[in-house]
């Protein structure tokens, strides 16, 4: 079953042990924007925000955005910084 972008972001954020506030600070957006992304309220975020999210999670933009691509998360301490 395809996983929407917001669901992917939430799964990755949780796997990395980040709060919404932490993630928002890392990509220089509001907590509210992260909440809206994860809930699906924002379905088409600006590309620079999606690029920043991919960078935080250490994955390609294609991997983050492609609903058909399975994501598996192995988090090391160096990734959590």
PDB file of N, CA and C in Angstrom:
ATOM      1  N   UNK A   1       0.841  -1.184   0.000  1.00  0.00           N
ATOM      2  CA  UNK A   1       0.000   0.000   0.000  1.00  0.00           C
ATOM      3  C   UNK A   1       0.885   1.245   0.000  1.00  0.00           C
ATOM      4  N   UNK A   2       0.638   2.192  -0.883  1.00  0.00           N
ATOM      5  CA  UNK A   2       1.455   3.410  -0.947  1.00  0.00           C
ATOM      6  C   UNK A   2       1.378   4.206   0.353  1.00  0.00           C
ATOM      7  N   UNK A   3       2.494   4.789   0.724  1.00  0.00           N
ATOM      8  CA  UNK A   3       2.550   5.618   1.916  1.00  0.00           C
ATOM      9  C   UNK A   3       2.705   7.070   1.470  1.00  0.00           C
ATOM     10  N   UNK A   4       1.789   7.916   1.890  1.00  0.00           N
ATOM     11  CA  UNK A   4       1.817   9.322   1.508  1.00  0.00           C
ATOM     12  C   UNK A   4       3.022  10.031   2.126  1.00  0.00           C
ATOM     13  N   UNK A   5       3.387  11.163   1.534  1.00  0.00           N
ATOM     14  CA  UNK A   5       4.562  11.914   1.979  1.00  0.00           C
ATOM     15  C   UNK A   5       4.504  12.222   3.475  1.00  0.00           C
ATOM     16  N   UNK A   6       3.370  12.688   3.949  1.00  0.00           N
ATOM     17  CA  UNK A   6       3.243  13.025   5.370  1.00  0.00           C
ATOM     18  C   UNK A   6       3.481  11.829   6.274  1.00  0.00           C
ATOM     19  N   UNK A   7       2.981  10.684   5.872  1.00  0.00           N
ATOM     20  CA  UNK A   7       3.195   9.458   6.645  1.00  0.00           C
ATOM     21  C   UNK A   7       4.669   9.068   6.639  1.00  0.00           C
ATOM     22  N   UNK A   8       5.316   9.263   5.503  1.00  0.00           N
ATOM     23  CA  UNK A   8       6.741   8.932   5.384  1.00  0.00           C
ATOM     24  C   UNK A   8       7.565   9.839   6.292  1.00  0.00           C
ATOM     25  N   UNK A   9       7.221  11.122   6.285  1.00  0.00           N
ATOM     26  CA  UNK A   9       7.934  12.083   7.130  1.00  0.00           C
ATOM     27  C   UNK A   9       7.754  11.717   8.597  1.00  0.00           C
ATOM     28  N   UNK A  10       6.522  11.414   8.994  1.00  0.00           N
ATOM     29  CA  UNK A  10       6.257  11.052  10.393  1.00  0.00           C
ATOM     30  C   UNK A  10       7.030   9.804  10.793  1.00  0.00           C
ATOM     31  N   UNK A  11       7.031   8.799   9.926  1.00  0.00           N
ATOM     32  CA  UNK A  11       7.737   7.547  10.233  1.00  0.00           C
ATOM     33  C   UNK A  11       9.238   7.803  10.391  1.00  0.00           C
ATOM     34  N   UNK A  12       9.801   8.554   9.473  1.00  0.00           N
ATOM     35  CA  UNK A  12      11.241   8.852   9.544  1.00  0.00           C
ATOM     36  C   UNK A  12      11.567   9.691  10.774  1.00  0.00           C
ATOM     37  N   UNK A  13      10.757  10.700  11.037  1.00  0.00           N
ATOM     38  CA  UNK A  13      10.997  11.562  12.205  1.00  0.00           C
ATOM     39  C   UNK A  13      11.004  10.727  13.478  1.00  0.00           C
ATOM     40  N   UNK A  14      10.017   9.852  13.614  1.00  0.00           N
ATOM     41  CA  UNK A  14       9.931   9.015  14.807  1.00  0.00           C
ATOM     42  C   UNK A  14      11.102   8.046  14.896  1.00  0.00           C
ATOM     43  N   UNK A  15      11.497   7.484  13.766  1.00  0.00           N
ATOM     44  CA  UNK A  15      12.628   6.552  13.754  1.00  0.00           C
ATOM     45  C   UNK A  15      13.921   7.243  14.176  1.00  0.00           C
ATOM     46  N   UNK A  16      14.030   8.519  13.837  1.00  0.00           N
ATOM     47  CA  UNK A  16      15.215   9.282  14.213  1.00  0.00           C
ATOM     48  C   UNK A  16      15.118   9.845  15.624  1.00  0.00           C
ATOM     49  N   UNK A  17      13.994   9.611  16.280  1.00  0.00           N
ATOM     50  CA  UNK A  17      13.825  10.084  17.654  1.00  0.00           C
ATOM     51  C   UNK A  17      13.683  11.585  17.754  1.00  0.00           C
ATOM     52  N   UNK A  18      13.157  12.200  16.699  1.00  0.00           N
ATOM     53  CA  UNK A  18      12.993  13.651  16.678  1.00  0.00           C
ATOM     54  C   UNK A  18      11.564  14.038  17.012  1.00  0.00           C
ATOM     55  N   UNK A  19      11.425  15.112  17.743  1.00  0.00           N
ATOM     56  CA  UNK A  19      10.089  15.675  17.949  1.00  0.00           C
ATOM     57  C   UNK A  19       9.757  16.526  16.720  1.00  0.00           C
ATOM     58  N   UNK A  20       8.517  16.888  16.597  1.00  0.00           N
ATOM     59  CA  UNK A  20       8.143  17.792  15.498  1.00  0.00           C
ATOM     60  C   UNK A  20       8.899  19.112  15.621  1.00  0.00           C
ATOM     61  N   UNK A  21       9.055  19.572  16.849  1.00  0.00           N
ATOM     62  CA  UNK A  21       9.780  20.828  17.077  1.00  0.00           C
ATOM     63  C   UNK A  21      11.238  20.700  16.636  1.00  0.00           C
ATOM     64  N   UNK A  22      11.878  19.584  16.982  1.00  0.00           N
ATOM     65  CA  UNK A  22      13.271  19.358  16.581  1.00  0.00           C
ATOM     66  C   UNK A  22      13.411  19.378  15.061  1.00  0.00           C
ATOM     67  N   UNK A  23      12.521  18.658  14.391  1.00  0.00           N
ATOM     68  CA  UNK A  23      12.585  18.598  12.933  1.00  0.00           C
ATOM     69  C   UNK A  23      12.330  19.968  12.320  1.00  0.00           C
ATOM     70  N   UNK A  24      11.367  20.677  12.846  1.00  0.00           N
ATOM     71  CA  UNK A  24      11.058  22.021  12.348  1.00  0.00           C
ATOM     72  C   UNK A  24      12.281  22.935  12.465  1.00  0.00           C
ATOM     73  N   UNK A  25      12.959  22.860  13.587  1.00  0.00           N
ATOM     74  CA  UNK A  25      14.148  23.696  13.795  1.00  0.00           C
ATOM     75  C   UNK A  25      15.254  23.329  12.811  1.00  0.00           C
ATOM     76  N   UNK A  26      15.402  22.059  12.521  1.00  0.00           N
ATOM     77  CA  UNK A  26      16.458  21.619  11.602  1.00  0.00           C
ATOM     78  C   UNK A  26      16.254  22.109  10.177  1.00  0.00           C
ATOM     79  N   UNK A  27      14.983  22.256   9.768  1.00  0.00           N
ATOM     80  CA  UNK A  27      14.755  22.705   8.388  1.00  0.00           C
ATOM     81  C   UNK A  27      14.215  24.143   8.330  1.00  0.00           C
ATOM     82  N   UNK A  28      14.220  24.818   9.480  1.00  0.00           N
ATOM     83  CA  UNK A  28      13.863  26.237   9.562  1.00  0.00           C
ATOM     84  C   UNK A  28      12.424  26.521   9.130  1.00  0.00           C
ATOM     85  N   UNK A  29      11.505  25.736   9.696  1.00  0.00           N
ATOM     86  CA  UNK A  29      10.077  25.969   9.495  1.00  0.00           C
ATOM     87  C   UNK A  29       9.404  25.909  10.865  1.00  0.00           C
ATOM     88  N   UNK A  30       8.109  26.160  10.890  1.00  0.00           N
ATOM     89  CA  UNK A  30       7.384  26.118  12.152  1.00  0.00           C
ATOM     90  C   UNK A  30       6.983  24.686  12.515  1.00  0.00           C
ATOM     91  N   UNK A  31       6.769  24.488  13.803  1.00  0.00           N
ATOM     92  CA  UNK A  31       6.230  23.228  14.309  1.00  0.00           C
ATOM     93  C   UNK A  31       4.915  22.930  13.589  1.00  0.00           C
ATOM     94  N   UNK A  32       4.109  23.961  13.401  1.00  0.00           N
ATOM     95  CA  UNK A  32       2.799  23.806  12.771  1.00  0.00           C
ATOM     96  C   UNK A  32       2.920  23.262  11.345  1.00  0.00           C
ATOM     97  N   UNK A  33       3.941  23.698  10.629  1.00  0.00           N
ATOM     98  CA  UNK A  33       4.112  23.202   9.267  1.00  0.00           C
ATOM     99  C   UNK A  33       4.413  21.701   9.278  1.00  0.00           C
ATOM    100  N   UNK A  34       5.257  21.268  10.189  1.00  0.00           N
ATOM    101  CA  UNK A  34       5.556  19.832  10.293  1.00  0.00           C
ATOM    102  C   UNK A  34       4.285  19.063  10.642  1.00  0.00           C
ATOM    103  N   UNK A  35       3.509  19.590  11.568  1.00  0.00           N
ATOM    104  CA  UNK A  35       2.252  18.940  11.948  1.00  0.00           C
ATOM    105  C   UNK A  35       1.314  18.831  10.747  1.00  0.00           C
ATOM    106  N   UNK A  36       1.205  19.899   9.984  1.00  0.00           N
ATOM    107  CA  UNK A  36       0.327  19.902   8.810  1.00  0.00           C
ATOM    108  C   UNK A  36       0.843  18.971   7.706  1.00  0.00           C
ATOM    109  N   UNK A  37       2.156  18.908   7.542  1.00  0.00           N
ATOM    110  CA  UNK A  37       2.731  17.974   6.567  1.00  0.00           C
ATOM    111  C   UNK A  37       2.385  16.538   6.942  1.00  0.00           C
ATOM    112  N   UNK A  38       2.621  16.210   8.198  1.00  0.00           N
ATOM    113  CA  UNK A  38       2.394  14.840   8.651  1.00  0.00           C
ATOM    114  C   UNK A  38       0.914  14.455   8.613  1.00  0.00           C
ATOM    115  N   UNK A  39       0.041  15.404   8.834  1.00  0.00           N
ATOM    116  CA  UNK A  39      -1.394  15.107   8.841  1.00  0.00           C
ATOM    117  C   UNK A  39      -1.993  15.090   7.440  1.00  0.00           C
ATOM    118  N   UNK A  40      -1.227  15.549   6.456  1.00  0.00           N
ATOM    119  CA  UNK A  40      -1.716  15.574   5.087  1.00  0.00           C
ATOM    120  C   UNK A  40      -2.418  16.863   4.716  1.00  0.00           C
ATOM    121  N   UNK A  41      -2.468  17.797   5.644  1.00  0.00           N
ATOM    122  CA  UNK A  41      -3.109  19.087   5.365  1.00  0.00           C
ATOM    123  C   UNK A  41      -2.330  19.854   4.301  1.00  0.00           C
ATOM    124  N   UNK A  42      -1.007  19.756   4.354  1.00  0.00           N
ATOM    125  CA  UNK A  42      -0.156  20.297   3.292  1.00  0.00           C
ATOM    126  C   UNK A  42       0.257  19.099   2.443  1.00  0.00           C
ATOM    127  N   UNK A  43      -0.235  19.041   1.225  1.00  0.00           N
ATOM    128  CA  UNK A  43       0.058  17.907   0.363  1.00  0.00           C
ATOM    129  C   UNK A  43       1.142  18.204  -0.657  1.00  0.00           C
ATOM    130  N   UNK A  44       1.394  19.474  -0.911  1.00  0.00           N
ATOM    131  CA  UNK A  44       2.401  19.858  -1.908  1.00  0.00           C
ATOM    132  C   UNK A  44       3.325  20.921  -1.318  1.00  0.00           C
ATOM    133  N   UNK A  45       4.249  20.488  -0.449  1.00  0.00           N
ATOM    134  CA  UNK A  45       5.161  21.448   0.181  1.00  0.00           C
ATOM    135  C   UNK A  45       6.161  22.005  -0.832  1.00  0.00           C
ATOM    136  N   UNK A  46       6.766  23.091  -0.483  1.00  0.00           N
ATOM    137  CA  UNK A  46       7.790  23.702  -1.338  1.00  0.00           C
ATOM    138  C   UNK A  46       8.978  22.758  -1.461  1.00  0.00           C
ATOM    139  N   UNK A  47       9.548  22.749  -2.648  1.00  0.00           N
ATOM    140  CA  UNK A  47      10.624  21.792  -2.947  1.00  0.00           C
ATOM    141  C   UNK A  47      11.823  21.967  -2.015  1.00  0.00           C
ATOM    142  N   UNK A  48      12.159  23.199  -1.650  1.00  0.00           N
ATOM    143  CA  UNK A  48      13.331  23.366  -0.772  1.00  0.00           C
ATOM    144  C   UNK A  48      13.080  22.785   0.615  1.00  0.00           C
ATOM    145  N   UNK A  49      11.828  22.732   1.046  1.00  0.00           N
ATOM    146  CA  UNK A  49      11.537  22.094   2.333  1.00  0.00           C
ATOM    147  C   UNK A  49      11.678  20.575   2.221  1.00  0.00           C
ATOM    148  N   UNK A  50      11.218  20.023   1.118  1.00  0.00           N
ATOM    149  CA  UNK A  50      11.328  18.576   0.919  1.00  0.00           C
ATOM    150  C   UNK A  50      12.798  18.183   0.768  1.00  0.00           C
ATOM    151  N   UNK A  51      13.575  18.999   0.085  1.00  0.00           N
ATOM    152  CA  UNK A  51      15.016  18.731  -0.050  1.00  0.00           C
ATOM    153  C   UNK A  51      15.684  18.757   1.321  1.00  0.00           C
ATOM    154  N   UNK A  52      15.301  19.711   2.151  1.00  0.00           N
ATOM    155  CA  UNK A  52      15.876  19.805   3.490  1.00  0.00           C
ATOM    156  C   UNK A  52      15.503  18.584   4.330  1.00  0.00           C
ATOM    157  N   UNK A  53      14.275  18.122   4.201  1.00  0.00           N
ATOM    158  CA  UNK A  53      13.851  16.918   4.931  1.00  0.00           C
ATOM    159  C   UNK A  53      14.652  15.708   4.480  1.00  0.00           C
ATOM    160  N   UNK A  54      14.819  15.550   3.187  1.00  0.00           N
ATOM    161  CA  UNK A  54      15.597  14.418   2.664  1.00  0.00           C
ATOM    162  C   UNK A  54      17.026  14.462   3.209  1.00  0.00           C
ATOM    163  N   UNK A  55      17.588  15.649   3.275  1.00  0.00           N
ATOM    164  CA  UNK A  55      18.952  15.798   3.781  1.00  0.00           C
ATOM    165  C   UNK A  55      19.031  15.410   5.265  1.00  0.00           C
ATOM    166  N   UNK A  56      18.069  15.864   6.056  1.00  0.00           N
ATOM    167  CA  UNK A  56      18.045  15.516   7.484  1.00  0.00           C
ATOM    168  C   UNK A  56      17.999  14.000   7.663  1.00  0.00           C
ATOM    169  N   UNK A  57      17.200  13.328   6.831  1.00  0.00           N
ATOM    170  CA  UNK A  57      17.032  11.884   6.959  1.00  0.00           C
ATOM    171  C   UNK A  57      18.091  11.084   6.203  1.00  0.00           C
ATOM    172  N   UNK A  58      18.953  11.773   5.458  1.00  0.00           N
ATOM    173  CA  UNK A  58      20.034  11.080   4.758  1.00  0.00           C
ATOM    174  C   UNK A  58      19.553  10.197   3.626  1.00  0.00           C
ATOM    175  N   UNK A  59      18.469  10.614   2.960  1.00  0.00           N
ATOM    176  CA  UNK A  59      17.937   9.845   1.842  1.00  0.00           C
ATOM    177  C   UNK A  59      17.773  10.756   0.634  1.00  0.00           C
ATOM    178  N   UNK A  60      17.573  10.156  -0.516  1.00  0.00           N
ATOM    179  CA  UNK A  60      17.389  10.963  -1.720  1.00  0.00           C
ATOM    180  C   UNK A  60      15.985  11.557  -1.741  1.00  0.00           C
ATOM    181  N   UNK A  61      15.854  12.600  -2.503  1.00  0.00           N
ATOM    182  CA  UNK A  61      14.559  13.239  -2.697  1.00  0.00           C
ATOM    183  C   UNK A  61      13.570  12.239  -3.299  1.00  0.00           C
ATOM    184  N   UNK A  62      14.050  11.453  -4.240  1.00  0.00           N
ATOM    185  CA  UNK A  62      13.201  10.450  -4.882  1.00  0.00           C
ATOM    186  C   UNK A  62      12.700   9.420  -3.870  1.00  0.00           C
ATOM    187  N   UNK A  63      13.575   8.963  -3.006  1.00  0.00           N
ATOM    188  CA  UNK A  63      13.183   7.989  -1.992  1.00  0.00           C
ATOM    189  C   UNK A  63      12.131   8.574  -1.054  1.00  0.00           C
ATOM    190  N   UNK A  64      12.296   9.819  -0.670  1.00  0.00           N
ATOM    191  CA  UNK A  64      11.337  10.454   0.228  1.00  0.00           C
ATOM    192  C   UNK A  64       9.984  10.642  -0.439  1.00  0.00           C
ATOM    193  N   UNK A  65       9.982  11.025  -1.689  1.00  0.00           N
ATOM    194  CA  UNK A  65       8.736  11.406  -2.362  1.00  0.00           C
ATOM    195  C   UNK A  65       8.011  10.277  -3.079  1.00  0.00           C
ATOM    196  N   UNK A  66       8.715   9.230  -3.436  1.00  0.00           N
ATOM    197  CA  UNK A  66       8.100   8.154  -4.200  1.00  0.00           C
ATOM    198  C   UNK A  66       7.274   7.258  -3.275  1.00  0.00           C
ATOM    199  N   UNK A  67       5.964   7.368  -3.385  1.00  0.00           N
ATOM    200  CA  UNK A  67       5.060   6.641  -2.504  1.00  0.00           C
ATOM    201  C   UNK A  67       5.172   5.126  -2.641  1.00  0.00           C
ATOM    202  N   UNK A  68       5.698   4.661  -3.759  1.00  0.00           N
ATOM    203  CA  UNK A  68       5.813   3.226  -4.003  1.00  0.00           C
ATOM    204  C   UNK A  68       7.109   2.639  -3.456  1.00  0.00           C
ATOM    205  N   UNK A  69       8.074   3.487  -3.109  1.00  0.00           N
ATOM    206  CA  UNK A  69       9.356   3.024  -2.604  1.00  0.00           C
ATOM    207  C   UNK A  69       9.256   2.721  -1.114  1.00  0.00           C
ATOM    208  N   UNK A  70       9.647   1.519  -0.759  1.00  0.00           N
ATOM    209  CA  UNK A  70       9.680   1.149   0.656  1.00  0.00           C
ATOM    210  C   UNK A  70      10.826   1.894   1.328  1.00  0.00           C
ATOM    211  N   UNK A  71      10.581   2.353   2.529  1.00  0.00           N
ATOM    212  CA  UNK A  71      11.660   2.970   3.289  1.00  0.00           C
ATOM    213  C   UNK A  71      11.948   2.093   4.500  1.00  0.00           C
ATOM    214  N   UNK A  72      13.222   1.853   4.707  1.00  0.00           N
ATOM    215  CA  UNK A  72      13.620   1.153   5.917  1.00  0.00           C
ATOM    216  C   UNK A  72      14.614   2.061   6.604  1.00  0.00           C
ATOM    217  N   UNK A  73      14.543   2.086   7.880  1.00  0.00           N
ATOM    218  CA  UNK A  73      15.335   3.038   8.640  1.00  0.00           C
ATOM    219  C   UNK A  73      16.246   2.323   9.606  1.00  0.00           C
ATOM    220  N   UNK A  74      17.535   2.582   9.455  1.00  0.00           N
ATOM    221  CA  UNK A  74      18.522   2.147  10.413  1.00  0.00           C
ATOM    222  C   UNK A  74      19.217   3.411  10.884  1.00  0.00           C
ATOM    223  N   UNK A  75      18.982   3.746  12.114  1.00  0.00           N
ATOM    224  CA  UNK A  75      19.493   5.002  12.651  1.00  0.00           C
ATOM    225  C   UNK A  75      20.719   4.737  13.503  1.00  0.00           C
ATOM    226  N   UNK A  76      21.792   5.445  13.185  1.00  0.00           N
ATOM    227  CA  UNK A  76      22.987   5.384  14.009  1.00  0.00           C
ATOM    228  C   UNK A  76      23.080   6.677  14.777  1.00  0.00           C
ATOM    229  N   UNK A  77      23.885   6.698  15.808  1.00  0.00           N
ATOM    230  CA  UNK A  77      24.012   7.909  16.612  1.00  0.00           C
ATOM    231  C   UNK A  77      24.484   9.091  15.775  1.00  0.00           C
ATOM    232  N   UNK A  78      25.324   8.871  14.781  1.00  0.00           N
ATOM    233  CA  UNK A  78      25.822   9.968  13.963  1.00  0.00           C
ATOM    234  C   UNK A  78      24.688  10.593  13.141  1.00  0.00           C
ATOM    235  N   UNK A  79      23.684   9.813  12.767  1.00  0.00           N
ATOM    236  CA  UNK A  79      22.558  10.339  12.006  1.00  0.00           C
ATOM    237  C   UNK A  79      21.638  11.183  12.859  1.00  0.00           C
ATOM    238  N   UNK A  80      21.634  10.946  14.168  1.00  0.00           N
ATOM    239  CA  UNK A  80      20.715  11.639  15.047  1.00  0.00           C
ATOM    240  C   UNK A  80      21.181  13.045  15.405  1.00  0.00           C
ATOM    241  N   UNK A  81      22.365  13.426  15.062  1.00  0.00           N
ATOM    242  CA  UNK A  81      22.876  14.743  15.407  1.00  0.00           C
ATOM    243  C   UNK A  81      22.176  15.827  14.690  1.00  0.00           C
TER     244      UNK A  81
END
